[in-house]
C-alpha atoms as a PDB file:
ATOM      1  CA  MET A   1      20.245 -25.383  -1.742  1.00  0.00           C
ATOM      2  CA  PRO A   2      18.772 -23.247  -4.534  1.00  0.00           C
ATOM      3  CA  LYS A   3      20.915 -20.532  -6.055  1.00  0.00           C
ATOM      4  CA  ILE A   4      18.219 -17.837  -5.615  1.00  0.00           C
ATOM      5  CA  SER A   5      15.371 -17.280  -3.150  1.00  0.00           C
ATOM      6  CA  VAL A   6      12.440 -15.154  -4.301  1.00  0.00           C
ATOM      7  CA  ILE A   7      10.285 -13.720  -1.504  1.00  0.00           C
ATOM      8  CA  ILE A   8       6.697 -12.760  -2.290  1.00  0.00           C
ATOM      9  CA  SER A   9       4.773 -10.876   0.380  1.00  0.00           C
ATOM     10  CA  THR A  10       1.004 -11.407   0.337  1.00  0.00           C
ATOM     11  CA  TYR A  11      -2.196 -10.787   2.270  1.00  0.00           C
ATOM     12  CA  GLU A  12      -5.649 -11.819   1.042  1.00  0.00           C
ATOM     13  CA  ARG A  13      -4.847 -11.616  -2.683  1.00  0.00           C
ATOM     14  CA  PRO A  14      -4.989 -15.269  -3.820  1.00  0.00           C
ATOM     15  CA  THR A  15      -5.851 -14.490  -7.453  1.00  0.00           C
ATOM     16  CA  GLU A  16      -2.892 -12.161  -7.839  1.00  0.00           C
ATOM     17  CA  LEU A  17      -0.617 -14.587  -5.997  1.00  0.00           C
ATOM     18  CA  ALA A  18      -1.597 -17.340  -8.443  1.00  0.00           C
ATOM     19  CA  ARG A  19      -0.715 -15.054 -11.364  1.00  0.00           C
ATOM     20  CA  VAL A  20       2.710 -14.317  -9.887  1.00  0.00           C
ATOM     21  CA  LEU A  21       3.402 -17.992  -9.154  1.00  0.00           C
ATOM     22  CA  GLU A  22       2.280 -18.980 -12.643  1.00  0.00           C
ATOM     23  CA  GLY A  23       4.892 -16.598 -14.024  1.00  0.00           C
ATOM     24  CA  TYR A  24       7.600 -18.336 -12.033  1.00  0.00           C
ATOM     25  CA  THR A  25       6.585 -21.720 -13.471  1.00  0.00           C
ATOM     26  CA  LEU A  26       7.370 -20.347 -16.933  1.00  0.00           C
ATOM     27  CA  GLN A  27      10.958 -19.318 -16.192  1.00  0.00           C
ATOM     28  CA  THR A  28      13.784 -20.978 -18.102  1.00  0.00           C
ATOM     29  CA  PHE A  29      16.121 -20.700 -15.081  1.00  0.00           C
ATOM     30  CA  HIS A  30      15.035 -23.270 -12.482  1.00  0.00           C
ATOM     31  CA  ASP A  31      17.576 -23.090  -9.660  1.00  0.00           C
ATOM     32  CA  PHE A  32      15.397 -20.991  -7.350  1.00  0.00           C
ATOM     33  CA  GLU A  33      12.895 -21.307  -4.549  1.00  0.00           C
ATOM     34  CA  VAL A  34       9.835 -19.165  -3.929  1.00  0.00           C
ATOM     35  CA  VAL A  35       9.025 -18.144  -0.366  1.00  0.00           C
ATOM     36  CA  VAL A  36       5.474 -16.854   0.069  1.00  0.00           C
ATOM     37  CA  ALA A  37       5.522 -14.552   3.118  1.00  0.00           C
ATOM     38  CA  ASP A  38       1.856 -14.609   4.134  1.00  0.00           C
ATOM     39  CA  ASP A  39       0.618 -11.980   6.594  1.00  0.00           C
ATOM     40  CA  GLY A  40      -2.263 -14.115   7.902  1.00  0.00           C
ATOM     41  CA  SER A  41      -4.391 -14.726   4.795  1.00  0.00           C
ATOM     42  CA  GLY A  42      -7.318 -17.120   4.759  1.00  0.00           C
ATOM     43  CA  PRO A  43      -7.536 -20.648   3.350  1.00  0.00           C
ATOM     44  CA  GLU A  44      -7.709 -19.469  -0.266  1.00  0.00           C
ATOM     45  CA  THR A  45      -4.061 -18.385  -0.141  1.00  0.00           C
ATOM     46  CA  LYS A  46      -3.011 -21.725   1.339  1.00  0.00           C
ATOM     47  CA  ALA A  47      -4.896 -23.492  -1.459  1.00  0.00           C
ATOM     48  CA  VAL A  48      -2.978 -21.476  -4.074  1.00  0.00           C
ATOM     49  CA  CYS A  49       0.340 -22.340  -2.386  1.00  0.00           C
ATOM     50  CA  ASP A  50      -0.637 -26.007  -2.200  1.00  0.00           C
ATOM     51  CA  ARG A  51      -1.565 -26.007  -5.896  1.00  0.00           C
ATOM     52  CA  TYR A  52       1.843 -24.605  -6.926  1.00  0.00           C
ATOM     53  CA  ALA A  53       3.962 -26.581  -4.448  1.00  0.00           C
ATOM     54  CA  SER A  54       4.199 -29.483  -6.897  1.00  0.00           C
ATOM     55  CA  ARG A  55       5.394 -27.188  -9.704  1.00  0.00           C
ATOM     56  CA  LEU A  56       7.843 -24.969  -7.785  1.00  0.00           C
ATOM     57  CA  LYS A  57      10.236 -25.223  -4.871  1.00  0.00           C
ATOM     58  CA  LEU A  58       7.794 -23.333  -2.681  1.00  0.00           C
ATOM     59  CA  VAL A  59       7.772 -22.466   1.015  1.00  0.00           C
ATOM     60  CA  HIS A  60       4.598 -20.985   2.503  1.00  0.00           C
ATOM     61  CA  ALA A  61       5.649 -18.970   5.570  1.00  0.00           C
ATOM     62  CA  ARG A  62       2.503 -17.759   7.365  1.00  0.00           C
ATOM     63  CA  HIS A  63       1.779 -16.037  10.659  1.00  0.00           C
ATOM     64  CA  GLU A  64      -1.474 -14.793  12.135  1.00  0.00           C
ATOM     65  CA  HIS A  65      -2.640 -11.370  10.990  1.00  0.00           C
ATOM     66  CA  ASP A  66      -2.021  -8.662  13.593  1.00  0.00           C
ATOM     67  CA  GLY A  67      -1.818  -5.508  11.528  1.00  0.00           C
ATOM     68  CA  PHE A  68       0.725  -5.015   8.757  1.00  0.00           C
ATOM     69  CA  ARG A  69       3.795  -7.088   9.610  1.00  0.00           C
ATOM     70  CA  ALA A  70       5.319  -7.968   6.245  1.00  0.00           C
END
């Protein structure tokens, strides 16, 4: 179990999500997980999460978009 969980809320902002995740890959403290709370984004967001899953302890939690539900 990681010491810290970081939750990132996102919706249809894959470029910005990639920038945030890239920052977490550069941290010197590594005992953390990143949970991407996705409010129903398209496949681009999933692709970003998939790309970073090998570099971070990453969980992509997604539900269908039905208005703002972060």
